[in-house]
Amino acid sequence: MIVSIRPEEVLSFASNLIKAHASECLALTMHSSDDPLPEHYFALLGRKVEGGVRIRRIGFGDRQFFDVQREIHLSHANYSFRFSDNEYKRMLLLDQSRLLFKTSDGIRYTEDRDTITKYVRYFTDCWRE
């Protein structure tokens, strides 16, 4: 099942997902033109990496933006960042079992294995680039 998330609820939904379900790894994408995330979100990610959760983030868009930004919010052995020139798909994947992602119709959430597998493949391909 795929559920729609209202735009005004996305940040709190993502934060609650991370708090409740991120125990091993997070895979995230972001574009240099995305709205900036608030400090409390990065504080939450910081607590997760300190607790042993591995975070992999891929940035898209303006490479120079990420050269400056990528270490500002998180600097930890459990946090990895790469830049990609591939097609951008906004996503947050928790422990390869829960996925928040953006489509042309809005933000969606799923635990559907087939959908998650497609996004895992996408993320892995961008990471290896």
N, C-alpha and C. Protein backbone atom coordinates (compact mmCIF):
# COMPACT_ATOMS: atom_id res chain seq x y z
N MET A 1 0.83 -1.17 0.00
CA MET A 1 0.00 0.00 0.00
C MET A 1 0.89 1.25 0.00
N ILE A 2 0.47 2.23 -0.77
CA ILE A 2 1.17 3.51 -0.85
C ILE A 2 0.22 4.59 -0.34
N VAL A 3 0.71 5.41 0.59
CA VAL A 3 -0.11 6.42 1.25
C VAL A 3 0.40 7.81 0.87
N SER A 4 -0.53 8.73 0.60
CA SER A 4 -0.17 10.13 0.32
C SER A 4 0.06 10.87 1.64
N ILE A 5 1.07 11.73 1.65
CA ILE A 5 1.37 12.57 2.81
C ILE A 5 1.15 14.02 2.39
N ARG A 6 0.38 14.76 3.17
CA ARG A 6 0.13 16.16 2.84
C ARG A 6 1.42 16.96 3.00
N PRO A 7 1.65 17.93 2.11
CA PRO A 7 2.90 18.70 2.14
C PRO A 7 3.24 19.30 3.51
N GLU A 8 2.26 19.81 4.20
CA GLU A 8 2.52 20.44 5.50
C GLU A 8 2.86 19.41 6.59
N GLU A 9 2.68 18.13 6.30
CA GLU A 9 2.96 17.08 7.28
C GLU A 9 4.26 16.32 7.00
N VAL A 10 4.90 16.61 5.88
CA VAL A 10 6.05 15.81 5.45
C VAL A 10 7.19 15.84 6.47
N LEU A 11 7.57 17.00 6.94
CA LEU A 11 8.70 17.09 7.87
C LEU A 11 8.41 16.36 9.18
N SER A 12 7.24 16.54 9.75
CA SER A 12 6.93 15.85 11.01
C SER A 12 6.78 14.34 10.76
N PHE A 13 6.22 13.97 9.62
CA PHE A 13 6.10 12.54 9.30
C PHE A 13 7.48 11.91 9.17
N ALA A 14 8.38 12.57 8.43
CA ALA A 14 9.74 12.05 8.26
C ALA A 14 10.47 11.98 9.60
N SER A 15 10.35 13.02 10.41
CA SER A 15 11.01 13.03 11.72
C SER A 15 10.50 11.89 12.60
N ASN A 16 9.19 11.70 12.62
CA ASN A 16 8.62 10.62 13.43
C ASN A 16 9.05 9.25 12.93
N LEU A 17 9.13 9.08 11.61
CA LEU A 17 9.63 7.83 11.05
C LEU A 17 11.06 7.55 11.52
N ILE A 18 11.89 8.57 11.42
CA ILE A 18 13.30 8.42 11.81
C ILE A 18 13.40 8.09 13.30
N LYS A 19 12.67 8.82 14.12
CA LYS A 19 12.71 8.57 15.57
C LYS A 19 12.29 7.14 15.90
N ALA A 20 11.21 6.69 15.29
CA ALA A 20 10.62 5.41 15.66
C ALA A 20 11.22 4.19 14.95
N HIS A 21 11.76 4.37 13.74
CA HIS A 21 12.09 3.19 12.94
C HIS A 21 13.51 3.12 12.40
N ALA A 22 14.29 4.16 12.50
CA ALA A 22 15.66 4.09 11.97
C ALA A 22 16.57 3.46 13.02
N SER A 23 16.94 2.21 12.79
CA SER A 23 17.80 1.53 13.75
C SER A 23 19.12 1.07 13.15
N GLU A 24 19.18 0.95 11.82
CA GLU A 24 20.41 0.48 11.17
C GLU A 24 20.96 1.48 10.16
N CYS A 25 20.11 1.91 9.21
CA CYS A 25 20.64 2.79 8.17
C CYS A 25 19.54 3.67 7.57
N LEU A 26 19.97 4.82 7.12
CA LEU A 26 19.12 5.75 6.40
C LEU A 26 19.79 6.05 5.07
N ALA A 27 19.01 6.08 4.01
CA ALA A 27 19.49 6.49 2.70
C ALA A 27 18.64 7.68 2.29
N LEU A 28 19.29 8.81 2.03
CA LEU A 28 18.58 10.05 1.73
C LEU A 28 19.12 10.69 0.48
N THR A 29 18.25 11.38 -0.23
CA THR A 29 18.68 12.21 -1.35
C THR A 29 18.22 13.64 -1.10
N MET A 30 18.94 14.57 -1.70
CA MET A 30 18.55 15.98 -1.62
C MET A 30 19.09 16.71 -2.83
N HIS A 31 18.41 17.77 -3.20
CA HIS A 31 18.82 18.61 -4.33
C HIS A 31 19.19 19.97 -3.78
N SER A 32 20.15 20.60 -4.39
CA SER A 32 20.59 21.92 -3.94
C SER A 32 19.47 22.95 -3.97
N SER A 33 18.43 22.71 -4.75
CA SER A 33 17.32 23.66 -4.83
C SER A 33 16.17 23.31 -3.88
N ASP A 34 16.26 22.20 -3.14
CA ASP A 34 15.23 21.85 -2.17
C ASP A 34 15.17 22.91 -1.07
N ASP A 35 14.00 23.06 -0.48
CA ASP A 35 13.89 23.96 0.67
C ASP A 35 14.83 23.48 1.77
N PRO A 36 15.51 24.40 2.44
CA PRO A 36 16.43 24.00 3.51
C PRO A 36 15.69 23.30 4.65
N LEU A 37 16.32 22.31 5.21
CA LEU A 37 15.74 21.60 6.35
C LEU A 37 16.12 22.31 7.64
N PRO A 38 15.26 22.27 8.64
CA PRO A 38 15.54 22.98 9.90
C PRO A 38 16.61 22.28 10.72
N GLU A 39 17.22 23.04 11.61
CA GLU A 39 18.29 22.51 12.46
C GLU A 39 17.84 21.32 13.30
N HIS A 40 16.57 21.33 13.77
CA HIS A 40 16.12 20.22 14.62
C HIS A 40 16.11 18.90 13.85
N TYR A 41 15.94 18.96 12.54
CA TYR A 41 16.00 17.74 11.73
C TYR A 41 17.44 17.21 11.71
N PHE A 42 18.41 18.11 11.53
CA PHE A 42 19.81 17.68 11.53
C PHE A 42 20.24 17.23 12.92
N ALA A 43 19.67 17.82 13.96
CA ALA A 43 19.96 17.37 15.33
C ALA A 43 19.46 15.93 15.51
N LEU A 44 18.29 15.63 14.98
CA LEU A 44 17.76 14.27 15.04
C LEU A 44 18.68 13.30 14.30
N LEU A 45 19.10 13.67 13.09
CA LEU A 45 20.03 12.82 12.35
C LEU A 45 21.34 12.64 13.12
N GLY A 46 21.79 13.71 13.76
CA GLY A 46 23.01 13.63 14.57
C GLY A 46 22.87 12.65 15.72
N ARG A 47 21.72 12.65 16.38
CA ARG A 47 21.49 11.69 17.47
C ARG A 47 21.47 10.26 16.94
N LYS A 48 20.92 10.09 15.76
CA LYS A 48 20.87 8.75 15.17
C LYS A 48 22.27 8.24 14.82
N VAL A 49 23.11 9.09 14.20
CA VAL A 49 24.46 8.62 13.87
C VAL A 49 25.26 8.34 15.14
N GLU A 50 25.07 9.17 16.16
CA GLU A 50 25.74 8.91 17.45
C GLU A 50 25.30 7.59 18.05
N GLY A 51 24.06 7.21 17.78
CA GLY A 51 23.52 5.95 18.28
C GLY A 51 23.85 4.74 17.42
N GLY A 52 24.62 4.96 16.35
CA GLY A 52 25.07 3.84 15.53
C GLY A 52 24.37 3.66 14.20
N VAL A 53 23.39 4.49 13.89
CA VAL A 53 22.72 4.40 12.59
C VAL A 53 23.63 4.97 11.51
N ARG A 54 23.79 4.22 10.42
CA ARG A 54 24.59 4.70 9.29
C ARG A 54 23.71 5.54 8.38
N ILE A 55 24.20 6.70 8.00
CA ILE A 55 23.46 7.57 7.10
C ILE A 55 24.27 7.77 5.83
N ARG A 56 23.61 7.50 4.70
CA ARG A 56 24.20 7.76 3.39
C ARG A 56 23.31 8.78 2.70
N ARG A 57 23.90 9.87 2.27
CA ARG A 57 23.13 10.93 1.61
C ARG A 57 23.77 11.21 0.26
N ILE A 58 22.91 11.38 -0.74
CA ILE A 58 23.37 11.74 -2.09
C ILE A 58 22.81 13.11 -2.42
N GLY A 59 23.67 14.00 -2.87
CA GLY A 59 23.27 15.33 -3.28
C GLY A 59 23.23 15.44 -4.80
N PHE A 60 22.27 16.21 -5.28
CA PHE A 60 22.08 16.44 -6.71
C PHE A 60 22.03 17.95 -6.94
N GLY A 61 22.30 18.37 -8.17
CA GLY A 61 22.17 19.79 -8.51
C GLY A 61 23.52 20.48 -8.57
N ASP A 62 23.68 21.54 -7.78
CA ASP A 62 24.86 22.38 -7.79
C ASP A 62 25.97 21.78 -6.91
N ARG A 63 26.98 21.25 -7.56
CA ARG A 63 28.08 20.59 -6.84
C ARG A 63 28.75 21.54 -5.85
N GLN A 64 28.93 22.80 -6.22
CA GLN A 64 29.59 23.76 -5.33
C GLN A 64 28.78 23.98 -4.05
N PHE A 65 27.46 23.97 -4.14
CA PHE A 65 26.60 24.08 -2.97
C PHE A 65 26.94 22.98 -1.97
N PHE A 66 27.08 21.76 -2.47
CA PHE A 66 27.35 20.64 -1.58
C PHE A 66 28.78 20.61 -1.07
N ASP A 67 29.70 21.14 -1.84
CA ASP A 67 31.07 21.23 -1.34
C ASP A 67 31.12 22.04 -0.05
N VAL A 68 30.26 23.04 0.05
CA VAL A 68 30.20 23.88 1.24
C VAL A 68 29.30 23.26 2.31
N GLN A 69 28.14 22.75 1.93
CA GLN A 69 27.11 22.32 2.87
C GLN A 69 27.28 20.93 3.47
N ARG A 70 27.93 20.04 2.78
CA ARG A 70 27.85 18.64 3.17
C ARG A 70 28.42 18.30 4.54
N GLU A 71 29.35 19.04 5.03
CA GLU A 71 29.91 18.75 6.35
C GLU A 71 29.41 19.69 7.44
N ILE A 72 28.62 20.67 7.09
CA ILE A 72 28.18 21.64 8.08
C ILE A 72 27.29 20.99 9.13
N HIS A 73 26.32 20.20 8.69
CA HIS A 73 25.33 19.68 9.62
C HIS A 73 25.75 18.38 10.30
N LEU A 74 26.44 17.50 9.61
CA LEU A 74 26.83 16.22 10.17
C LEU A 74 28.26 15.89 9.79
N SER A 75 29.04 15.66 10.79
CA SER A 75 30.41 15.21 10.57
C SER A 75 30.65 14.05 11.54
N HIS A 76 30.55 12.84 11.01
CA HIS A 76 30.63 11.65 11.86
C HIS A 76 31.04 10.47 10.99
N ALA A 77 31.68 9.49 11.59
CA ALA A 77 32.11 8.30 10.84
C ALA A 77 30.92 7.53 10.26
N ASN A 78 29.75 7.62 10.87
CA ASN A 78 28.57 6.92 10.37
C ASN A 78 27.82 7.70 9.29
N TYR A 79 28.31 8.87 8.91
CA TYR A 79 27.66 9.70 7.91
C TYR A 79 28.53 9.77 6.66
N SER A 80 27.93 9.41 5.52
CA SER A 80 28.64 9.46 4.24
C SER A 80 27.84 10.29 3.26
N PHE A 81 28.55 11.03 2.43
CA PHE A 81 27.91 11.88 1.44
C PHE A 81 28.58 11.69 0.09
N ARG A 82 27.78 11.68 -0.96
CA ARG A 82 28.30 11.66 -2.32
C ARG A 82 27.45 12.59 -3.17
N PHE A 83 28.04 13.04 -4.26
CA PHE A 83 27.34 13.86 -5.23
C PHE A 83 27.02 13.00 -6.44
N SER A 84 25.88 13.25 -7.08
CA SER A 84 25.50 12.49 -8.27
C SER A 84 25.00 13.43 -9.36
N ASP A 85 25.30 13.07 -10.59
CA ASP A 85 24.77 13.79 -11.75
C ASP A 85 23.57 13.06 -12.35
N ASN A 86 23.15 11.96 -11.74
CA ASN A 86 22.00 11.21 -12.25
C ASN A 86 20.71 11.99 -12.09
N GLU A 87 19.63 11.43 -12.62
CA GLU A 87 18.30 12.02 -12.44
C GLU A 87 17.95 12.01 -10.95
N TYR A 88 17.43 13.12 -10.48
CA TYR A 88 17.11 13.28 -9.06
C TYR A 88 15.74 12.71 -8.72
N LYS A 89 15.71 11.89 -7.67
CA LYS A 89 14.47 11.41 -7.08
C LYS A 89 14.58 11.64 -5.58
N ARG A 90 13.68 12.43 -5.03
CA ARG A 90 13.73 12.71 -3.60
C ARG A 90 13.21 11.50 -2.83
N MET A 91 14.00 11.08 -1.82
CA MET A 91 13.62 9.89 -1.07
C MET A 91 14.27 9.86 0.31
N LEU A 92 13.64 9.13 1.20
CA LEU A 92 14.16 8.82 2.53
C LEU A 92 13.84 7.35 2.75
N LEU A 93 14.86 6.53 2.87
CA LEU A 93 14.70 5.09 3.03
C LEU A 93 15.24 4.69 4.40
N LEU A 94 14.40 4.03 5.19
CA LEU A 94 14.78 3.62 6.54
C LEU A 94 14.95 2.11 6.59
N ASP A 95 16.14 1.65 6.95
CA ASP A 95 16.43 0.24 7.15
C ASP A 95 15.94 -0.65 6.01
N GLN A 96 15.90 -0.10 4.83
CA GLN A 96 15.45 -0.79 3.61
C GLN A 96 14.07 -1.43 3.78
N SER A 97 13.25 -0.82 4.64
CA SER A 97 11.91 -1.39 4.85
C SER A 97 10.79 -0.36 4.85
N ARG A 98 11.13 0.92 4.92
CA ARG A 98 10.14 2.00 4.92
C ARG A 98 10.66 3.11 4.02
N LEU A 99 9.78 3.63 3.16
CA LEU A 99 10.21 4.58 2.15
C LEU A 99 9.27 5.77 2.08
N LEU A 100 9.85 6.95 2.16
CA LEU A 100 9.15 8.21 1.91
C LEU A 100 9.75 8.75 0.62
N PHE A 101 8.91 9.06 -0.38
CA PHE A 101 9.45 9.45 -1.67
C PHE A 101 8.51 10.43 -2.36
N LYS A 102 9.08 11.20 -3.28
CA LYS A 102 8.32 12.20 -4.00
C LYS A 102 8.04 11.71 -5.42
N THR A 103 6.79 11.92 -5.83
CA THR A 103 6.39 11.63 -7.21
C THR A 103 5.86 12.92 -7.82
N SER A 104 5.48 12.87 -9.06
CA SER A 104 4.89 14.06 -9.69
C SER A 104 3.55 14.42 -9.05
N ASP A 105 2.95 13.48 -8.35
CA ASP A 105 1.66 13.70 -7.69
C ASP A 105 1.79 14.09 -6.22
N GLY A 106 3.00 14.12 -5.69
CA GLY A 106 3.19 14.51 -4.29
C GLY A 106 4.09 13.54 -3.53
N ILE A 107 4.05 13.67 -2.22
CA ILE A 107 4.89 12.84 -1.34
C ILE A 107 4.11 11.59 -0.96
N ARG A 108 4.80 10.46 -1.01
CA ARG A 108 4.19 9.16 -0.72
C ARG A 108 5.01 8.41 0.33
N TYR A 109 4.32 7.51 1.03
CA TYR A 109 4.97 6.62 2.00
C TYR A 109 4.54 5.20 1.68
N THR A 110 5.49 4.27 1.78
CA THR A 110 5.17 2.87 1.55
C THR A 110 6.10 1.94 2.32
N GLU A 111 5.59 0.75 2.53
CA GLU A 111 6.40 -0.38 3.01
C GLU A 111 6.34 -1.50 1.98
N ASP A 112 5.86 -1.17 0.78
CA ASP A 112 5.73 -2.13 -0.31
C ASP A 112 7.11 -2.56 -0.80
N ARG A 113 7.36 -3.84 -0.72
CA ARG A 113 8.68 -4.40 -1.04
C ARG A 113 9.11 -4.10 -2.48
N ASP A 114 8.21 -4.21 -3.45
CA ASP A 114 8.58 -3.97 -4.85
C ASP A 114 8.99 -2.52 -5.09
N THR A 115 8.23 -1.59 -4.52
CA THR A 115 8.56 -0.17 -4.65
C THR A 115 9.89 0.13 -3.98
N ILE A 116 10.08 -0.40 -2.78
CA ILE A 116 11.32 -0.18 -2.05
C ILE A 116 12.51 -0.74 -2.82
N THR A 117 12.36 -1.90 -3.40
CA THR A 117 13.44 -2.52 -4.18
C THR A 117 13.87 -1.62 -5.34
N LYS A 118 12.91 -0.99 -6.02
CA LYS A 118 13.24 -0.08 -7.12
C LYS A 118 14.05 1.12 -6.62
N TYR A 119 13.67 1.66 -5.47
CA TYR A 119 14.39 2.82 -4.93
C TYR A 119 15.75 2.42 -4.36
N VAL A 120 15.86 1.24 -3.81
CA VAL A 120 17.17 0.75 -3.34
C VAL A 120 18.11 0.64 -4.54
N ARG A 121 17.62 0.10 -5.63
CA ARG A 121 18.43 -0.03 -6.85
C ARG A 121 18.85 1.35 -7.37
N TYR A 122 17.90 2.28 -7.41
CA TYR A 122 18.19 3.65 -7.84
C TYR A 122 19.28 4.27 -6.95
N PHE A 123 19.11 4.18 -5.64
CA PHE A 123 20.07 4.78 -4.72
C PHE A 123 21.45 4.13 -4.89
N THR A 124 21.48 2.82 -4.98
CA THR A 124 22.75 2.10 -5.14
C THR A 124 23.45 2.50 -6.42
N ASP A 125 22.70 2.61 -7.51
CA ASP A 125 23.30 3.05 -8.78
C ASP A 125 23.89 4.45 -8.68
N CYS A 126 23.16 5.37 -8.04
CA CYS A 126 23.66 6.74 -7.87
C CYS A 126 24.88 6.75 -6.96
N TRP A 127 24.89 5.94 -5.93
CA TRP A 127 25.99 5.89 -4.97
C TRP A 127 27.26 5.39 -5.64
N ARG A 128 27.13 4.43 -6.53
CA ARG A 128 28.30 3.83 -7.19
C ARG A 128 28.85 4.69 -8.31
N GLU A 129 28.08 5.67 -8.75
CA GLU A 129 28.45 6.52 -9.88
C GLU A 129 29.85 7.09 -9.74
